[in-house]
Amino acid sequence: MTEHPSAAGAAQPDLPAGVTRELSHLDRAGNFQMVDVGDKPISVRSAVATGVIRMHQETFNLIRDNGLKKGDVIPVARLAGMQAAKRTAELVPLCHPLPLSGIEVLVTLDEALPGCRVEGLVRTTAQTGVEMEALTAVSVALLAIYDMAKAVDRTMVISDVVLREKRGGTKGDFISSP
């Protein structure tokens, strides 16, 4: 087994803000574990994630004009994102189930893409954060858009799903740089 450079005492470069070398979901033996957050304080926490889906102009026009056979894309995508945030612990194996106090999913048409921008904001008062719930909300909202429009455009591209910010908790706030 090859030793990792950090284990051999090699100098480690500085990491950008928001990046750590800790893998909290592994125990000392390298086995997966659900992190025990029982000793962490309960606090108000929130997270914002964003993503985009790009498509042909004709597909964009159909979504804008509510011309797809499956129905009005934007409210369906918003609802899909909200439902997904609530079910994140069922989808991501090591996530804690959380009592979510608020979920907002915004879908905005952007003719410059052409396509849609999705933003998810999730809030809780708990012992762990809601970053995964915000990312899941955005991802599933984008998938719902794809599903509703795939009959007319299978070349759509989902991209740029990122955590924009997280607030609260013992590690403090994180705001991504543009």
N, C-alpha and C. Protein backbone atom coordinates (compact mmCIF):
# COMPACT_ATOMS: atom_id res chain seq x y z
N MET A 1 0.84 -1.17 0.00
CA MET A 1 0.00 0.00 0.00
C MET A 1 0.89 1.23 0.00
N THR A 2 0.63 2.18 -0.89
CA THR A 2 1.42 3.39 -0.99
C THR A 2 0.96 4.39 0.05
N GLU A 3 1.93 4.98 0.74
CA GLU A 3 1.61 5.94 1.78
C GLU A 3 1.26 7.28 1.15
N HIS A 4 0.24 7.93 1.68
CA HIS A 4 -0.17 9.25 1.19
C HIS A 4 0.91 10.25 1.57
N PRO A 5 1.23 11.21 0.69
CA PRO A 5 2.30 12.17 0.97
C PRO A 5 2.15 12.88 2.31
N SER A 6 0.92 13.22 2.73
CA SER A 6 0.77 13.92 4.00
C SER A 6 1.17 13.01 5.16
N ALA A 7 0.93 11.71 5.01
CA ALA A 7 1.29 10.76 6.07
C ALA A 7 2.80 10.62 6.17
N ALA A 8 3.50 10.86 5.09
CA ALA A 8 4.95 10.71 5.08
C ALA A 8 5.64 11.96 5.58
N GLY A 9 4.87 12.98 5.94
CA GLY A 9 5.47 14.19 6.47
C GLY A 9 5.78 15.22 5.41
N ALA A 10 5.35 15.03 4.19
CA ALA A 10 5.61 16.00 3.13
C ALA A 10 4.82 17.28 3.41
N ALA A 11 5.37 18.38 3.00
CA ALA A 11 4.71 19.67 3.18
C ALA A 11 3.40 19.69 2.38
N GLN A 12 2.37 20.24 2.98
CA GLN A 12 1.07 20.32 2.34
C GLN A 12 0.81 21.75 1.88
N PRO A 13 0.35 21.93 0.65
CA PRO A 13 0.04 23.29 0.19
C PRO A 13 -1.19 23.82 0.93
N ASP A 14 -1.28 25.15 1.01
CA ASP A 14 -2.47 25.77 1.61
C ASP A 14 -3.68 25.45 0.76
N LEU A 15 -4.80 25.24 1.43
CA LEU A 15 -6.05 24.94 0.74
C LEU A 15 -6.89 26.20 0.62
N PRO A 16 -7.68 26.30 -0.44
CA PRO A 16 -8.57 27.46 -0.55
C PRO A 16 -9.61 27.46 0.56
N ALA A 17 -10.20 28.62 0.80
CA ALA A 17 -11.25 28.73 1.82
C ALA A 17 -12.37 27.74 1.52
N GLY A 18 -12.87 27.09 2.54
CA GLY A 18 -13.97 26.14 2.38
C GLY A 18 -13.52 24.73 2.07
N VAL A 19 -12.21 24.48 1.95
CA VAL A 19 -11.70 23.15 1.63
C VAL A 19 -10.91 22.64 2.83
N THR A 20 -11.12 21.38 3.20
CA THR A 20 -10.43 20.78 4.32
C THR A 20 -9.88 19.42 3.91
N ARG A 21 -8.91 18.93 4.66
CA ARG A 21 -8.38 17.60 4.39
C ARG A 21 -9.11 16.53 5.20
N GLU A 22 -9.98 16.96 6.11
CA GLU A 22 -10.70 16.02 6.96
C GLU A 22 -11.81 15.33 6.18
N LEU A 23 -11.91 14.02 6.34
CA LEU A 23 -13.02 13.26 5.80
C LEU A 23 -13.80 12.71 6.98
N SER A 24 -14.79 13.48 7.42
CA SER A 24 -15.50 13.14 8.66
C SER A 24 -16.37 11.89 8.53
N HIS A 25 -16.63 11.44 7.33
CA HIS A 25 -17.48 10.26 7.15
C HIS A 25 -16.68 8.95 7.13
N LEU A 26 -15.40 9.04 7.48
CA LEU A 26 -14.57 7.84 7.59
C LEU A 26 -14.03 7.75 9.01
N ASP A 27 -14.07 6.54 9.59
CA ASP A 27 -13.46 6.38 10.90
C ASP A 27 -11.96 6.15 10.71
N ARG A 28 -11.25 5.95 11.81
CA ARG A 28 -9.78 5.80 11.73
C ARG A 28 -9.34 4.60 10.91
N ALA A 29 -10.21 3.60 10.81
CA ALA A 29 -9.88 2.40 10.04
C ALA A 29 -10.29 2.55 8.57
N GLY A 30 -10.88 3.69 8.21
CA GLY A 30 -11.29 3.92 6.83
C GLY A 30 -12.69 3.42 6.49
N ASN A 31 -13.47 3.06 7.51
CA ASN A 31 -14.84 2.59 7.30
C ASN A 31 -15.81 3.77 7.28
N PHE A 32 -16.84 3.64 6.46
CA PHE A 32 -17.86 4.68 6.41
C PHE A 32 -18.57 4.78 7.74
N GLN A 33 -18.94 6.01 8.10
CA GLN A 33 -19.70 6.22 9.32
C GLN A 33 -20.61 7.43 9.15
N MET A 34 -21.73 7.40 9.82
CA MET A 34 -22.56 8.59 9.90
C MET A 34 -22.01 9.40 11.07
N VAL A 35 -21.65 10.63 10.82
CA VAL A 35 -21.02 11.46 11.84
C VAL A 35 -21.98 11.65 13.01
N ASP A 36 -21.47 11.48 14.21
CA ASP A 36 -22.27 11.69 15.41
C ASP A 36 -22.27 13.19 15.72
N VAL A 37 -23.43 13.80 15.57
CA VAL A 37 -23.55 15.25 15.83
C VAL A 37 -24.21 15.51 17.18
N GLY A 38 -24.36 14.48 18.00
CA GLY A 38 -25.06 14.60 19.27
C GLY A 38 -24.50 15.64 20.22
N ASP A 39 -23.22 15.91 20.17
CA ASP A 39 -22.61 16.88 21.07
C ASP A 39 -22.57 18.29 20.48
N LYS A 40 -23.00 18.42 19.24
CA LYS A 40 -22.98 19.75 18.61
C LYS A 40 -24.18 20.57 19.10
N PRO A 41 -24.00 21.87 19.21
CA PRO A 41 -25.13 22.69 19.65
C PRO A 41 -26.19 22.83 18.55
N ILE A 42 -27.42 22.93 18.98
CA ILE A 42 -28.52 23.21 18.05
C ILE A 42 -28.42 24.68 17.68
N SER A 43 -28.46 24.97 16.40
CA SER A 43 -28.41 26.36 15.96
C SER A 43 -29.19 26.52 14.66
N VAL A 44 -29.50 27.75 14.35
CA VAL A 44 -30.17 28.07 13.10
C VAL A 44 -29.13 27.94 11.99
N ARG A 45 -29.49 27.23 10.93
CA ARG A 45 -28.58 26.98 9.83
C ARG A 45 -29.33 27.16 8.52
N SER A 46 -28.60 27.59 7.50
CA SER A 46 -29.19 27.74 6.17
C SER A 46 -28.13 27.48 5.12
N ALA A 47 -28.60 27.17 3.93
CA ALA A 47 -27.70 26.96 2.80
C ALA A 47 -28.40 27.38 1.51
N VAL A 48 -27.60 27.90 0.59
CA VAL A 48 -28.09 28.29 -0.73
C VAL A 48 -27.24 27.59 -1.77
N ALA A 49 -27.91 26.96 -2.74
CA ALA A 49 -27.23 26.32 -3.87
C ALA A 49 -27.86 26.85 -5.15
N THR A 50 -27.11 26.76 -6.24
CA THR A 50 -27.61 27.20 -7.54
C THR A 50 -27.17 26.22 -8.61
N GLY A 51 -27.83 26.29 -9.76
CA GLY A 51 -27.47 25.48 -10.92
C GLY A 51 -28.20 25.98 -12.15
N VAL A 52 -27.79 25.50 -13.30
CA VAL A 52 -28.41 25.92 -14.55
C VAL A 52 -28.68 24.73 -15.46
N ILE A 53 -29.62 24.93 -16.37
CA ILE A 53 -29.84 23.98 -17.46
C ILE A 53 -29.90 24.80 -18.75
N ARG A 54 -29.06 24.40 -19.68
CA ARG A 54 -29.02 25.08 -20.99
C ARG A 54 -29.75 24.22 -22.01
N MET A 55 -30.37 24.89 -22.99
CA MET A 55 -31.19 24.19 -23.97
C MET A 55 -31.23 24.98 -25.26
N HIS A 56 -31.82 24.38 -26.29
CA HIS A 56 -32.04 25.09 -27.55
C HIS A 56 -33.04 26.22 -27.34
N GLN A 57 -32.92 27.24 -28.15
CA GLN A 57 -33.82 28.38 -28.06
C GLN A 57 -35.28 27.95 -28.22
N GLU A 58 -35.52 26.99 -29.11
CA GLU A 58 -36.90 26.53 -29.32
C GLU A 58 -37.48 25.90 -28.05
N THR A 59 -36.66 25.16 -27.33
CA THR A 59 -37.09 24.53 -26.09
C THR A 59 -37.38 25.60 -25.05
N PHE A 60 -36.48 26.57 -24.95
CA PHE A 60 -36.68 27.70 -24.05
C PHE A 60 -38.02 28.38 -24.33
N ASN A 61 -38.28 28.63 -25.62
CA ASN A 61 -39.53 29.29 -26.01
C ASN A 61 -40.75 28.48 -25.58
N LEU A 62 -40.69 27.16 -25.75
CA LEU A 62 -41.81 26.30 -25.33
C LEU A 62 -42.04 26.37 -23.82
N ILE A 63 -40.95 26.36 -23.05
CA ILE A 63 -41.09 26.47 -21.59
C ILE A 63 -41.66 27.84 -21.23
N ARG A 64 -41.09 28.88 -21.81
CA ARG A 64 -41.56 30.25 -21.53
C ARG A 64 -43.05 30.42 -21.86
N ASP A 65 -43.47 29.84 -22.97
CA ASP A 65 -44.84 30.01 -23.45
C ASP A 65 -45.79 28.93 -22.94
N ASN A 66 -45.32 28.08 -22.03
CA ASN A 66 -46.10 26.97 -21.47
C ASN A 66 -46.66 26.09 -22.60
N GLY A 67 -45.77 25.75 -23.54
CA GLY A 67 -46.20 24.99 -24.70
C GLY A 67 -45.82 23.52 -24.70
N LEU A 68 -45.30 23.02 -23.58
CA LEU A 68 -44.93 21.61 -23.53
C LEU A 68 -46.13 20.76 -23.16
N LYS A 69 -46.21 19.57 -23.75
CA LYS A 69 -47.35 18.67 -23.50
C LYS A 69 -47.46 18.24 -22.04
N LYS A 70 -46.31 18.16 -21.34
CA LYS A 70 -46.35 17.71 -19.94
C LYS A 70 -46.85 18.80 -19.00
N GLY A 71 -46.97 20.03 -19.46
CA GLY A 71 -47.52 21.09 -18.61
C GLY A 71 -46.54 22.19 -18.30
N ASP A 72 -46.88 22.98 -17.28
CA ASP A 72 -46.12 24.16 -16.89
C ASP A 72 -44.87 23.73 -16.11
N VAL A 73 -43.71 23.93 -16.71
CA VAL A 73 -42.45 23.40 -16.19
C VAL A 73 -42.04 24.04 -14.87
N ILE A 74 -42.15 25.32 -14.76
CA ILE A 74 -41.57 26.02 -13.60
C ILE A 74 -42.21 25.59 -12.28
N PRO A 75 -43.53 25.58 -12.14
CA PRO A 75 -44.07 25.14 -10.85
C PRO A 75 -43.77 23.67 -10.54
N VAL A 76 -43.72 22.84 -11.56
CA VAL A 76 -43.38 21.42 -11.33
C VAL A 76 -41.94 21.30 -10.85
N ALA A 77 -41.03 22.03 -11.46
CA ALA A 77 -39.62 21.99 -11.04
C ALA A 77 -39.45 22.50 -9.62
N ARG A 78 -40.15 23.56 -9.27
CA ARG A 78 -40.08 24.11 -7.91
C ARG A 78 -40.55 23.06 -6.89
N LEU A 79 -41.69 22.45 -7.17
CA LEU A 79 -42.23 21.44 -6.26
C LEU A 79 -41.30 20.23 -6.16
N ALA A 80 -40.75 19.79 -7.28
CA ALA A 80 -39.81 18.66 -7.27
C ALA A 80 -38.61 18.97 -6.38
N GLY A 81 -38.09 20.18 -6.49
CA GLY A 81 -36.95 20.59 -5.66
C GLY A 81 -37.29 20.59 -4.18
N MET A 82 -38.48 21.09 -3.84
CA MET A 82 -38.89 21.11 -2.44
C MET A 82 -39.04 19.70 -1.89
N GLN A 83 -39.68 18.83 -2.66
CA GLN A 83 -39.84 17.44 -2.22
C GLN A 83 -38.48 16.77 -2.05
N ALA A 84 -37.57 17.03 -2.97
CA ALA A 84 -36.24 16.41 -2.90
C ALA A 84 -35.48 16.85 -1.66
N ALA A 85 -35.55 18.13 -1.32
CA ALA A 85 -34.85 18.60 -0.13
C ALA A 85 -35.31 17.83 1.11
N LYS A 86 -36.62 17.57 1.19
CA LYS A 86 -37.18 16.85 2.34
C LYS A 86 -36.73 15.40 2.38
N ARG A 87 -36.31 14.84 1.25
CA ARG A 87 -35.96 13.42 1.18
C ARG A 87 -34.46 13.18 1.02
N THR A 88 -33.66 14.19 1.25
CA THR A 88 -32.21 14.08 1.03
C THR A 88 -31.60 12.93 1.81
N ALA A 89 -31.99 12.74 3.06
CA ALA A 89 -31.40 11.66 3.87
C ALA A 89 -31.72 10.28 3.31
N GLU A 90 -32.79 10.16 2.52
CA GLU A 90 -33.11 8.88 1.89
C GLU A 90 -32.26 8.66 0.63
N LEU A 91 -31.77 9.73 0.05
CA LEU A 91 -31.03 9.64 -1.21
C LEU A 91 -29.52 9.62 -1.02
N VAL A 92 -29.03 10.33 -0.02
CA VAL A 92 -27.59 10.43 0.24
C VAL A 92 -27.32 9.66 1.53
N PRO A 93 -26.65 8.51 1.43
CA PRO A 93 -26.59 7.55 2.52
C PRO A 93 -26.12 8.05 3.88
N LEU A 94 -25.19 8.98 3.94
CA LEU A 94 -24.64 9.38 5.23
C LEU A 94 -25.18 10.71 5.74
N CYS A 95 -26.23 11.21 5.12
CA CYS A 95 -26.88 12.45 5.58
C CYS A 95 -27.82 12.15 6.74
N HIS A 96 -27.91 13.12 7.64
CA HIS A 96 -28.85 13.01 8.75
C HIS A 96 -30.23 13.48 8.29
N PRO A 97 -31.29 12.81 8.72
CA PRO A 97 -32.63 13.36 8.47
C PRO A 97 -32.80 14.60 9.34
N LEU A 98 -33.28 15.68 8.74
CA LEU A 98 -33.37 16.95 9.46
C LEU A 98 -34.78 17.52 9.44
N PRO A 99 -35.13 18.22 10.50
CA PRO A 99 -36.41 18.94 10.50
C PRO A 99 -36.22 20.26 9.76
N LEU A 100 -36.68 20.33 8.54
CA LEU A 100 -36.49 21.54 7.75
C LEU A 100 -37.55 22.56 8.11
N SER A 101 -37.12 23.79 8.34
CA SER A 101 -38.07 24.83 8.71
C SER A 101 -38.47 25.69 7.52
N GLY A 102 -37.70 25.61 6.45
CA GLY A 102 -38.05 26.37 5.26
C GLY A 102 -37.32 25.87 4.04
N ILE A 103 -38.02 25.86 2.92
CA ILE A 103 -37.43 25.47 1.63
C ILE A 103 -37.98 26.43 0.58
N GLU A 104 -37.08 27.06 -0.15
CA GLU A 104 -37.49 27.91 -1.27
C GLU A 104 -36.72 27.43 -2.49
N VAL A 105 -37.44 27.23 -3.58
CA VAL A 105 -36.80 26.86 -4.85
C VAL A 105 -37.30 27.86 -5.88
N LEU A 106 -36.37 28.59 -6.45
CA LEU A 106 -36.69 29.59 -7.46
C LEU A 106 -36.20 29.11 -8.82
N VAL A 107 -37.04 29.20 -9.82
CA VAL A 107 -36.66 28.85 -11.19
C VAL A 107 -36.86 30.11 -12.03
N THR A 108 -35.78 30.53 -12.67
CA THR A 108 -35.82 31.74 -13.46
C THR A 108 -35.43 31.43 -14.90
N LEU A 109 -36.24 31.90 -15.84
CA LEU A 109 -35.89 31.76 -17.25
C LEU A 109 -34.80 32.76 -17.58
N ASP A 110 -33.79 32.31 -18.33
CA ASP A 110 -32.68 33.18 -18.71
C ASP A 110 -32.43 33.01 -20.21
N GLU A 111 -32.91 33.96 -20.98
CA GLU A 111 -32.79 33.87 -22.43
C GLU A 111 -31.34 33.92 -22.89
N ALA A 112 -30.45 34.50 -22.07
CA ALA A 112 -29.04 34.58 -22.44
C ALA A 112 -28.39 33.20 -22.48
N LEU A 113 -28.91 32.22 -21.72
CA LEU A 113 -28.29 30.88 -21.72
C LEU A 113 -28.46 30.17 -23.07
N PRO A 114 -29.54 29.98 -23.69
CA PRO A 114 -30.90 30.03 -23.16
C PRO A 114 -31.14 28.84 -22.24
N GLY A 115 -31.98 29.08 -21.23
CA GLY A 115 -32.29 28.01 -20.29
C GLY A 115 -32.87 28.55 -19.00
N CYS A 116 -32.66 27.79 -17.93
CA CYS A 116 -33.22 28.14 -16.63
C CYS A 116 -32.12 28.15 -15.58
N ARG A 117 -32.26 29.07 -14.65
CA ARG A 117 -31.41 29.12 -13.47
C ARG A 117 -32.27 28.68 -12.28
N VAL A 118 -31.69 27.84 -11.43
CA VAL A 118 -32.41 27.37 -10.26
C VAL A 118 -31.61 27.74 -9.02
N GLU A 119 -32.32 28.24 -8.01
CA GLU A 119 -31.71 28.55 -6.72
C GLU A 119 -32.52 27.87 -5.64
N GLY A 120 -31.84 27.21 -4.72
CA GLY A 120 -32.50 26.56 -3.60
C GLY A 120 -31.98 27.11 -2.29
N LEU A 121 -32.88 27.49 -1.41
CA LEU A 121 -32.54 27.96 -0.07
C LEU A 121 -33.25 27.05 0.92
N VAL A 122 -32.47 26.48 1.84
CA VAL A 122 -33.03 25.56 2.83
C VAL A 122 -32.60 26.03 4.22
N ARG A 123 -33.54 25.95 5.17
CA ARG A 123 -33.27 26.38 6.54
C ARG A 123 -33.68 25.29 7.53
N THR A 124 -32.97 25.29 8.66
CA THR A 124 -33.31 24.38 9.76
C THR A 124 -32.80 24.96 11.06
N THR A 125 -33.25 24.42 12.16
CA THR A 125 -32.65 24.63 13.48
C THR A 125 -32.30 23.23 13.95
N ALA A 126 -31.01 22.92 13.89
CA ALA A 126 -30.58 21.55 14.15
C ALA A 126 -29.10 21.51 14.53
N GLN A 127 -28.57 20.29 14.63
CA GLN A 127 -27.17 20.08 15.03
C GLN A 127 -26.24 19.90 13.83
N THR A 128 -26.78 19.93 12.62
CA THR A 128 -25.95 19.82 11.43
C THR A 128 -26.59 20.64 10.32
N GLY A 129 -25.80 20.95 9.31
CA GLY A 129 -26.23 21.89 8.28
C GLY A 129 -27.08 21.28 7.18
N VAL A 130 -27.52 22.15 6.29
CA VAL A 130 -28.46 21.78 5.23
C VAL A 130 -27.87 21.99 3.83
N GLU A 131 -26.55 21.91 3.71
CA GLU A 131 -25.92 22.07 2.40
C GLU A 131 -26.40 21.00 1.42
N MET A 132 -26.45 19.76 1.87
CA MET A 132 -26.86 18.67 0.98
C MET A 132 -28.31 18.82 0.55
N GLU A 133 -29.15 19.32 1.45
CA GLU A 133 -30.56 19.52 1.10
C GLU A 133 -30.70 20.61 0.03
N ALA A 134 -29.93 21.68 0.13
CA ALA A 134 -29.99 22.74 -0.87
C ALA A 134 -29.48 22.24 -2.22
N LEU A 135 -28.37 21.50 -2.21
CA LEU A 135 -27.82 20.95 -3.45
C LEU A 135 -28.77 19.93 -4.08
N THR A 136 -29.42 19.12 -3.25
CA THR A 136 -30.37 18.14 -3.75
C THR A 136 -31.60 18.82 -4.34
N ALA A 137 -32.08 19.86 -3.69
CA ALA A 137 -33.24 20.61 -4.20
C ALA A 137 -32.95 21.15 -5.60
N VAL A 138 -31.80 21.76 -5.76
CA VAL A 138 -31.43 22.33 -7.06
C VAL A 138 -31.27 21.24 -8.11
N SER A 139 -30.58 20.17 -7.76
CA SER A 139 -30.32 19.09 -8.71
C SER A 139 -31.61 18.46 -9.21
N VAL A 140 -32.54 18.19 -8.30
CA VAL A 140 -33.79 17.54 -8.70
C VAL A 140 -34.70 18.51 -9.46
N ALA A 141 -34.70 19.77 -9.10
CA ALA A 141 -35.47 20.76 -9.87
C ALA A 141 -34.96 20.80 -11.31
N LEU A 142 -33.65 20.78 -11.48
CA LEU A 142 -33.07 20.76 -12.83
C LEU A 142 -33.43 19.47 -13.57
N LEU A 143 -33.41 18.35 -12.87
CA LEU A 143 -33.81 17.09 -13.48
C LEU A 143 -35.28 17.11 -13.89
N ALA A 144 -36.13 17.74 -13.10
CA ALA A 144 -37.55 17.84 -13.46
C ALA A 144 -37.73 18.65 -14.73
N ILE A 145 -36.96 19.71 -14.89
CA ILE A 145 -37.01 20.51 -16.12
C ILE A 145 -36.60 19.63 -17.30
N TYR A 146 -35.50 18.91 -17.12
CA TYR A 146 -35.04 18.01 -18.18
C TYR A 146 -36.12 17.00 -18.54
N ASP A 147 -36.71 16.39 -17.52
CA ASP A 147 -37.74 15.37 -17.75
C ASP A 147 -38.92 15.94 -18.53
N MET A 148 -39.33 17.12 -18.19
CA MET A 148 -40.52 17.68 -18.84
C MET A 148 -40.26 18.12 -20.28
N ALA A 149 -38.99 18.44 -20.58
CA ALA A 149 -38.67 18.95 -21.92
C ALA A 149 -37.90 17.96 -22.79
N LYS A 150 -37.57 16.80 -22.28
CA LYS A 150 -36.72 15.87 -23.03
C LYS A 150 -37.37 15.36 -24.32
N ALA A 151 -38.67 15.38 -24.40
CA ALA A 151 -39.34 14.92 -25.63
C ALA A 151 -39.01 15.82 -26.81
N VAL A 152 -38.67 17.08 -26.53
CA VAL A 152 -38.35 18.01 -27.62
C VAL A 152 -36.87 18.34 -27.69
N ASP A 153 -36.11 18.04 -26.63
CA ASP A 153 -34.69 18.42 -26.63
C ASP A 153 -33.91 17.52 -25.68
N ARG A 154 -33.23 16.52 -26.23
CA ARG A 154 -32.40 15.64 -25.40
C ARG A 154 -30.97 16.15 -25.27
N THR A 155 -30.69 17.30 -25.82
CA THR A 155 -29.33 17.86 -25.75
C THR A 155 -29.17 18.85 -24.61
N MET A 156 -30.19 19.02 -23.78
CA MET A 156 -30.08 19.95 -22.65
C MET A 156 -28.90 19.56 -21.78
N VAL A 157 -28.27 20.56 -21.16
CA VAL A 157 -27.10 20.32 -20.32
C VAL A 157 -27.33 20.95 -18.95
N ILE A 158 -27.27 20.11 -17.92
CA ILE A 158 -27.34 20.56 -16.54
C ILE A 158 -25.91 20.81 -16.08
N SER A 159 -25.67 21.98 -15.48
CA SER A 159 -24.30 22.28 -15.04
C SER A 159 -24.30 23.29 -13.89
N ASP A 160 -23.11 23.51 -13.40
CA ASP A 160 -22.84 24.56 -12.42
C ASP A 160 -23.67 24.44 -11.15
N VAL A 161 -23.92 23.21 -10.70
CA VAL A 161 -24.62 23.02 -9.43
C VAL A 161 -23.58 23.21 -8.33
N VAL A 162 -23.75 24.28 -7.55
CA VAL A 162 -22.75 24.63 -6.54
C VAL A 162 -23.41 25.15 -5.28
N LEU A 163 -22.70 24.97 -4.17
CA LEU A 163 -23.09 25.58 -2.91
C LEU A 163 -22.62 27.02 -2.95
N ARG A 164 -23.54 27.96 -2.81
CA ARG A 164 -23.21 29.39 -2.82
C ARG A 164 -22.90 29.91 -1.43
N GLU A 165 -23.66 29.42 -0.45
CA GLU A 165 -23.39 29.85 0.92
C GLU A 165 -23.99 28.89 1.92
N LYS A 166 -23.41 28.88 3.10
CA LYS A 166 -23.99 28.18 4.23
C LYS A 166 -23.77 29.07 5.43
N ARG A 167 -24.77 29.09 6.29
CA ARG A 167 -24.71 29.95 7.48
C ARG A 167 -25.05 29.13 8.71
N GLY A 168 -24.39 29.49 9.82
CA GLY A 168 -24.65 28.85 11.09
C GLY A 168 -23.74 27.67 11.34
N GLY A 169 -23.86 27.11 12.52
CA GLY A 169 -23.06 25.94 12.88
C GLY A 169 -21.72 26.29 13.48
N THR A 170 -21.02 25.26 13.92
CA THR A 170 -19.75 25.45 14.63
C THR A 170 -18.61 25.89 13.71
N LYS A 171 -18.72 25.59 12.42
CA LYS A 171 -17.66 25.99 11.48
C LYS A 171 -17.89 27.37 10.89
N GLY A 172 -19.00 28.00 11.24
CA GLY A 172 -19.25 29.35 10.79
C GLY A 172 -19.80 29.43 9.39
N ASP A 173 -19.83 30.63 8.87
CA ASP A 173 -20.43 30.88 7.57
C ASP A 173 -19.43 30.61 6.44
N PHE A 174 -19.98 30.24 5.29
CA PHE A 174 -19.20 30.05 4.07
C PHE A 174 -19.95 30.75 2.95
N ILE A 175 -19.25 31.58 2.21
CA ILE A 175 -19.81 32.22 1.03
C ILE A 175 -18.82 31.98 -0.10
N SER A 176 -19.31 31.37 -1.19
CA SER A 176 -18.40 31.05 -2.30
C SER A 176 -18.02 32.32 -3.05
N SER A 177 -16.85 32.29 -3.62
CA SER A 177 -16.45 33.43 -4.45
C SER A 177 -17.06 33.23 -5.83
N PRO A 178 -17.38 34.34 -6.49
CA PRO A 178 -18.05 34.23 -7.81
C PRO A 178 -17.24 33.52 -8.85
